[in-house]
PDB file of all heavy atoms in Angstrom:
ATOM      1  N   TYR A   1       4.309  -4.895  18.983  1.00  0.00           N
ATOM      2  CA  TYR A   1       4.815  -3.590  18.529  1.00  0.00           C
ATOM      3  C   TYR A   1       5.962  -3.784  17.532  1.00  0.00           C
ATOM      4  O   TYR A   1       6.469  -4.882  17.361  1.00  0.00           O
ATOM      5  CB  TYR A   1       5.303  -2.751  19.710  1.00  0.00           C
ATOM      6  CG  TYR A   1       6.496  -3.331  20.444  1.00  0.00           C
ATOM      7  CD1 TYR A   1       7.798  -3.069  20.025  1.00  0.00           C
ATOM      8  CD2 TYR A   1       6.316  -4.152  21.567  1.00  0.00           C
ATOM      9  CE1 TYR A   1       8.890  -3.614  20.700  1.00  0.00           C
ATOM     10  CE2 TYR A   1       7.390  -4.698  22.238  1.00  0.00           C
ATOM     11  CZ  TYR A   1       8.679  -4.418  21.800  1.00  0.00           C
ATOM     12  OH  TYR A   1       9.747  -4.955  22.465  1.00  0.00           O
ATOM     13  N   GLY A   2       6.350  -2.678  16.874  1.00  0.00           N
ATOM     14  CA  GLY A   2       7.529  -2.671  16.011  1.00  0.00           C
ATOM     15  C   GLY A   2       7.289  -3.057  14.571  1.00  0.00           C
ATOM     16  O   GLY A   2       8.238  -3.154  13.788  1.00  0.00           O
ATOM     17  N   LEU A   3       6.027  -3.244  14.174  1.00  0.00           N
ATOM     18  CA  LEU A   3       5.737  -3.728  12.831  1.00  0.00           C
ATOM     19  C   LEU A   3       6.084  -2.703  11.744  1.00  0.00           C
ATOM     20  O   LEU A   3       6.408  -3.069  10.611  1.00  0.00           O
ATOM     21  CB  LEU A   3       4.254  -4.104  12.735  1.00  0.00           C
ATOM     22  CG  LEU A   3       3.816  -4.955  11.559  1.00  0.00           C
ATOM     23  CD1 LEU A   3       4.588  -6.263  11.527  1.00  0.00           C
ATOM     24  CD2 LEU A   3       2.320  -5.221  11.626  1.00  0.00           C
ATOM     25  N   ALA A   4       6.052  -1.421  12.084  1.00  0.00           N
ATOM     26  CA  ALA A   4       6.305  -0.376  11.083  1.00  0.00           C
ATOM     27  C   ALA A   4       7.722  -0.447  10.511  1.00  0.00           C
ATOM     28  O   ALA A   4       7.991   0.106   9.442  1.00  0.00           O
ATOM     29  CB  ALA A   4       6.068   1.003  11.700  1.00  0.00           C
ATOM     30  N   GLY A   5       8.614  -1.145  11.197  1.00  0.00           N
ATOM     31  CA  GLY A   5       9.994  -1.235  10.721  1.00  0.00           C
ATOM     32  C   GLY A   5      10.143  -1.890   9.370  1.00  0.00           C
ATOM     33  O   GLY A   5      11.155  -1.692   8.685  1.00  0.00           O
ATOM     34  N   ILE A   6       9.146  -2.668   8.940  1.00  0.00           N
ATOM     35  CA  ILE A   6       9.277  -3.326   7.638  1.00  0.00           C
ATOM     36  C   ILE A   6       9.271  -2.318   6.492  1.00  0.00           C
ATOM     37  O   ILE A   6       9.775  -2.620   5.402  1.00  0.00           O
ATOM     38  CB  ILE A   6       8.181  -4.387   7.413  1.00  0.00           C
ATOM     39  CG1 ILE A   6       6.789  -3.766   7.384  1.00  0.00           C
ATOM     40  CG2 ILE A   6       8.270  -5.475   8.469  1.00  0.00           C
ATOM     41  CD1 ILE A   6       5.703  -4.774   7.027  1.00  0.00           C
ATOM     42  N   TRP A   7       8.721  -1.108   6.724  1.00  0.00           N
ATOM     43  CA  TRP A   7       8.748  -0.078   5.675  1.00  0.00           C
ATOM     44  C   TRP A   7      10.174   0.361   5.367  1.00  0.00           C
ATOM     45  O   TRP A   7      10.455   0.834   4.258  1.00  0.00           O
ATOM     46  CB  TRP A   7       7.916   1.132   6.095  1.00  0.00           C
ATOM     47  CG  TRP A   7       6.443   0.917   5.986  1.00  0.00           C
ATOM     48  CD1 TRP A   7       5.582   0.569   6.989  1.00  0.00           C
ATOM     49  CD2 TRP A   7       5.648   1.024   4.803  1.00  0.00           C
ATOM     50  NE1 TRP A   7       4.307   0.448   6.501  1.00  0.00           N
ATOM     51  CE2 TRP A   7       4.304   0.726   5.159  1.00  0.00           C
ATOM     52  CE3 TRP A   7       5.937   1.349   3.473  1.00  0.00           C
ATOM     53  CZ2 TRP A   7       3.260   0.747   4.236  1.00  0.00           C
ATOM     54  CZ3 TRP A   7       4.894   1.356   2.548  1.00  0.00           C
ATOM     55  CH2 TRP A   7       3.588   1.062   2.930  1.00  0.00           C
ATOM     56  N   LEU A   8      11.058   0.217   6.316  1.00  0.00           N
ATOM     57  CA  LEU A   8      12.468   0.550   6.095  1.00  0.00           C
ATOM     58  C   LEU A   8      13.271  -0.682   5.688  1.00  0.00           C
ATOM     59  O   LEU A   8      14.062  -0.642   4.742  1.00  0.00           O
ATOM     60  CB  LEU A   8      13.073   1.161   7.364  1.00  0.00           C
ATOM     61  CG  LEU A   8      14.581   1.471   7.331  1.00  0.00           C
ATOM     62  CD1 LEU A   8      14.866   2.542   6.283  1.00  0.00           C
ATOM     63  CD2 LEU A   8      15.064   1.917   8.700  1.00  0.00           C
ATOM     64  N   VAL A   9      13.056  -1.780   6.384  1.00  0.00           N
ATOM     65  CA  VAL A   9      13.881  -2.982   6.203  1.00  0.00           C
ATOM     66  C   VAL A   9      13.787  -3.545   4.792  1.00  0.00           C
ATOM     67  O   VAL A   9      14.804  -3.827   4.146  1.00  0.00           O
ATOM     68  CB  VAL A   9      13.481  -4.058   7.241  1.00  0.00           C
ATOM     69  CG1 VAL A   9      13.993  -5.435   6.830  1.00  0.00           C
ATOM     70  CG2 VAL A   9      14.028  -3.684   8.611  1.00  0.00           C
ATOM     71  N   ILE A  10      12.566  -3.719   4.283  1.00  0.00           N
ATOM     72  CA  ILE A  10      12.418  -4.375   2.982  1.00  0.00           C
ATOM     73  C   ILE A  10      13.051  -3.568   1.846  1.00  0.00           C
ATOM     74  O   ILE A  10      13.874  -4.105   1.093  1.00  0.00           O
ATOM     75  CB  ILE A  10      10.934  -4.678   2.700  1.00  0.00           C
ATOM     76  CG1 ILE A  10      10.411  -5.707   3.705  1.00  0.00           C
ATOM     77  CG2 ILE A  10      10.758  -5.206   1.270  1.00  0.00           C
ATOM     78  CD1 ILE A  10       8.936  -6.021   3.557  1.00  0.00           C
ATOM     79  N   PRO A  11      12.727  -2.265   1.681  1.00  0.00           N
ATOM     80  CA  PRO A  11      13.356  -1.526   0.572  1.00  0.00           C
ATOM     81  C   PRO A  11      14.872  -1.455   0.676  1.00  0.00           C
ATOM     82  O   PRO A  11      15.580  -1.599  -0.327  1.00  0.00           O
ATOM     83  CB  PRO A  11      12.733  -0.127   0.681  1.00  0.00           C
ATOM     84  CG  PRO A  11      11.497  -0.307   1.467  1.00  0.00           C
ATOM     85  CD  PRO A  11      11.761  -1.431   2.413  1.00  0.00           C
ATOM     86  N   VAL A  12      15.395  -1.236   1.882  1.00  0.00           N
ATOM     87  CA  VAL A  12      16.852  -1.086   2.044  1.00  0.00           C
ATOM     88  C   VAL A  12      17.578  -2.354   1.629  1.00  0.00           C
ATOM     89  O   VAL A  12      18.534  -2.315   0.834  1.00  0.00           O
ATOM     90  CB  VAL A  12      17.199  -0.713   3.507  1.00  0.00           C
ATOM     91  CG1 VAL A  12      18.694  -0.896   3.759  1.00  0.00           C
ATOM     92  CG2 VAL A  12      16.790   0.723   3.798  1.00  0.00           C
ATOM     93  N   PHE A  13      17.128  -3.498   2.111  1.00  0.00           N
ATOM     94  CA  PHE A  13      17.862  -4.726   1.820  1.00  0.00           C
ATOM     95  C   PHE A  13      17.609  -5.243   0.405  1.00  0.00           C
ATOM     96  O   PHE A  13      18.494  -5.871  -0.182  1.00  0.00           O
ATOM     97  CB  PHE A  13      17.550  -5.789   2.873  1.00  0.00           C
ATOM     98  CG  PHE A  13      18.233  -5.526   4.179  1.00  0.00           C
ATOM     99  CD1 PHE A  13      17.508  -5.178   5.304  1.00  0.00           C
ATOM    100  CD2 PHE A  13      19.616  -5.603   4.284  1.00  0.00           C
ATOM    101  CE1 PHE A  13      18.143  -4.912   6.507  1.00  0.00           C
ATOM    102  CE2 PHE A  13      20.257  -5.338   5.482  1.00  0.00           C
ATOM    103  CZ  PHE A  13      19.519  -4.990   6.596  1.00  0.00           C
ATOM    104  N   VAL A  14      16.447  -4.965  -0.167  1.00  0.00           N
ATOM    105  CA  VAL A  14      16.227  -5.326  -1.568  1.00  0.00           C
ATOM    106  C   VAL A  14      17.174  -4.524  -2.464  1.00  0.00           C
ATOM    107  O   VAL A  14      17.796  -5.077  -3.385  1.00  0.00           O
ATOM    108  CB  VAL A  14      14.762  -5.085  -1.979  1.00  0.00           C
ATOM    109  CG1 VAL A  14      14.607  -5.192  -3.494  1.00  0.00           C
ATOM    110  CG2 VAL A  14      13.852  -6.099  -1.307  1.00  0.00           C
ATOM    111  N   VAL A  15      17.291  -3.237  -2.197  1.00  0.00           N
ATOM    112  CA  VAL A  15      18.185  -2.387  -2.996  1.00  0.00           C
ATOM    113  C   VAL A  15      19.640  -2.822  -2.832  1.00  0.00           C
ATOM    114  O   VAL A  15      20.378  -2.968  -3.820  1.00  0.00           O
ATOM    115  CB  VAL A  15      18.008  -0.903  -2.615  1.00  0.00           C
ATOM    116  CG1 VAL A  15      19.114  -0.049  -3.229  1.00  0.00           C
ATOM    117  CG2 VAL A  15      16.639  -0.404  -3.070  1.00  0.00           C
ATOM    118  N   LEU A  16      20.084  -3.031  -1.594  1.00  0.00           N
ATOM    119  CA  LEU A  16      21.466  -3.445  -1.365  1.00  0.00           C
ATOM    120  C   LEU A  16      21.763  -4.788  -2.029  1.00  0.00           C
ATOM    121  O   LEU A  16      22.830  -4.973  -2.639  1.00  0.00           O
ATOM    122  CB  LEU A  16      21.747  -3.531   0.138  1.00  0.00           C
ATOM    123  CG  LEU A  16      21.850  -2.208   0.891  1.00  0.00           C
ATOM    124  CD1 LEU A  16      21.949  -2.455   2.396  1.00  0.00           C
ATOM    125  CD2 LEU A  16      23.051  -1.397   0.413  1.00  0.00           C
ATOM    126  N   ALA A  17      20.835  -5.728  -1.929  1.00  0.00           N
ATOM    127  CA  ALA A  17      21.044  -7.049  -2.527  1.00  0.00           C
ATOM    128  C   ALA A  17      21.061  -6.962  -4.042  1.00  0.00           C
ATOM    129  O   ALA A  17      21.953  -7.520  -4.698  1.00  0.00           O
ATOM    130  CB  ALA A  17      19.954  -8.015  -2.060  1.00  0.00           C
ATOM    131  N   ALA A  18      20.094  -6.258  -4.642  1.00  0.00           N
ATOM    132  CA  ALA A  18      20.000  -6.178  -6.096  1.00  0.00           C
ATOM    133  C   ALA A  18      21.158  -5.399  -6.699  1.00  0.00           C
ATOM    134  O   ALA A  18      21.622  -5.719  -7.799  1.00  0.00           O
ATOM    135  CB  ALA A  18      18.673  -5.543  -6.500  1.00  0.00           C
ATOM    136  N   PHE A  19      21.654  -4.375  -5.986  1.00  0.00           N
ATOM    137  CA  PHE A  19      22.778  -3.600  -6.498  1.00  0.00           C
ATOM    138  C   PHE A  19      24.121  -4.240  -6.157  1.00  0.00           C
ATOM    139  O   PHE A  19      25.170  -3.704  -6.500  1.00  0.00           O
ATOM    140  CB  PHE A  19      22.712  -2.155  -6.000  1.00  0.00           C
ATOM    141  CG  PHE A  19      21.742  -1.307  -6.774  1.00  0.00           C
ATOM    142  CD1 PHE A  19      20.425  -1.206  -6.385  1.00  0.00           C
ATOM    143  CD2 PHE A  19      22.144  -0.644  -7.916  1.00  0.00           C
ATOM    144  CE1 PHE A  19      19.513  -0.453  -7.102  1.00  0.00           C
ATOM    145  CE2 PHE A  19      21.258   0.116  -8.653  1.00  0.00           C
ATOM    146  CZ  PHE A  19      19.929   0.220  -8.253  1.00  0.00           C
ATOM    147  N   SER A  20      24.084  -5.389  -5.480  1.00  0.00           N
ATOM    148  CA  SER A  20      25.282  -6.220  -5.347  1.00  0.00           C
ATOM    149  C   SER A  20      25.340  -7.191  -6.515  1.00  0.00           C
ATOM    150  O   SER A  20      26.376  -7.365  -7.158  1.00  0.00           O
ATOM    151  CB  SER A  20      25.245  -7.002  -4.031  1.00  0.00           C
ATOM    152  OG  SER A  20      25.299  -6.139  -2.924  1.00  0.00           O
ATOM    153  N   LYS A  21      24.210  -7.827  -6.792  1.00  0.00           N
ATOM    154  CA  LYS A  21      24.026  -8.675  -7.974  1.00  0.00           C
ATOM    155  C   LYS A  21      22.531  -8.798  -8.188  1.00  0.00           C
ATOM    156  O   LYS A  21      21.771  -8.903  -7.225  1.00  0.00           O
ATOM    157  CB  LYS A  21      24.669 -10.050  -7.778  1.00  0.00           C
ATOM    158  CG  LYS A  21      24.726 -10.880  -9.036  1.00  0.00           C
ATOM    159  CD  LYS A  21      25.499 -12.175  -8.824  1.00  0.00           C
ATOM    160  CE  LYS A  21      25.583 -12.964 -10.126  1.00  0.00           C
ATOM    161  NZ  LYS A  21      26.359 -14.230  -9.947  1.00  0.00           N
ATOM    162  N   GLU A  22      22.137  -8.817  -9.456  1.00  0.00           N
ATOM    163  CA  GLU A  22      20.715  -8.687  -9.779  1.00  0.00           C
ATOM    164  C   GLU A  22      19.829  -9.763  -9.150  1.00  0.00           C
ATOM    165  O   GLU A  22      18.645  -9.521  -8.904  1.00  0.00           O
ATOM    166  CB  GLU A  22      20.531  -8.678 -11.301  1.00  0.00           C
ATOM    167  CG  GLU A  22      21.004  -7.411 -11.988  1.00  0.00           C
ATOM    168  CD  GLU A  22      22.525  -7.279 -12.056  1.00  0.00           C
ATOM    169  OE1 GLU A  22      23.236  -8.274 -11.755  1.00  0.00           O
ATOM    170  OE2 GLU A  22      23.017  -6.189 -12.409  1.00  0.00           O
ATOM    171  N   ASN A  23      20.358 -10.939  -8.880  1.00  0.00           N
ATOM    172  CA  ASN A  23      19.514 -11.976  -8.287  1.00  0.00           C
ATOM    173  C   ASN A  23      19.115 -11.653  -6.850  1.00  0.00           C
ATOM    174  O   ASN A  23      18.355 -12.395  -6.233  1.00  0.00           O
ATOM    175  CB  ASN A  23      20.175 -13.358  -8.361  1.00  0.00           C
ATOM    176  CG  ASN A  23      21.501 -13.419  -7.627  1.00  0.00           C
ATOM    177  OD1 ASN A  23      21.943 -12.451  -7.015  1.00  0.00           O
ATOM    178  ND2 ASN A  23      22.143 -14.569  -7.682  1.00  0.00           N
ATOM    179  N   GLY A  24      19.599 -10.532  -6.329  1.00  0.00           N
ATOM    180  CA  GLY A  24      19.177 -10.083  -5.002  1.00  0.00           C
ATOM    181  C   GLY A  24      17.694  -9.766  -4.922  1.00  0.00           C
ATOM    182  O   GLY A  24      17.118  -9.742  -3.826  1.00  0.00           O
ATOM    183  N   VAL A  25      17.031  -9.542  -6.077  1.00  0.00           N
ATOM    184  CA  VAL A  25      15.587  -9.277  -6.053  1.00  0.00           C
ATOM    185  C   VAL A  25      14.817 -10.512  -5.581  1.00  0.00           C
ATOM    186  O   VAL A  25      13.627 -10.413  -5.257  1.00  0.00           O
ATOM    187  CB  VAL A  25      15.059  -8.828  -7.436  1.00  0.00           C
ATOM    188  CG1 VAL A  25      15.701  -7.515  -7.854  1.00  0.00           C
ATOM    189  CG2 VAL A  25      15.274  -9.910  -8.482  1.00  0.00           C
ATOM    190  N   LEU A  26      15.482 -11.664  -5.523  1.00  0.00           N
ATOM    191  CA  LEU A  26      14.829 -12.871  -5.005  1.00  0.00           C
ATOM    192  C   LEU A  26      14.446 -12.727  -3.539  1.00  0.00           C
ATOM    193  O   LEU A  26      13.667 -13.533  -3.015  1.00  0.00           O
ATOM    194  CB  LEU A  26      15.747 -14.088  -5.172  1.00  0.00           C
ATOM    195  CG  LEU A  26      15.948 -14.570  -6.607  1.00  0.00           C
ATOM    196  CD1 LEU A  26      16.977 -15.691  -6.647  1.00  0.00           C
ATOM    197  CD2 LEU A  26      14.635 -15.028  -7.218  1.00  0.00           C
TER     198      LEU A  26
END
């Protein structure tokens, strides 16, 4: 169970990382 959480986790942390510094898209 719990697999649906990736729909929230991936976009949130990609945005936070990239808007901290662009190499966060890695």
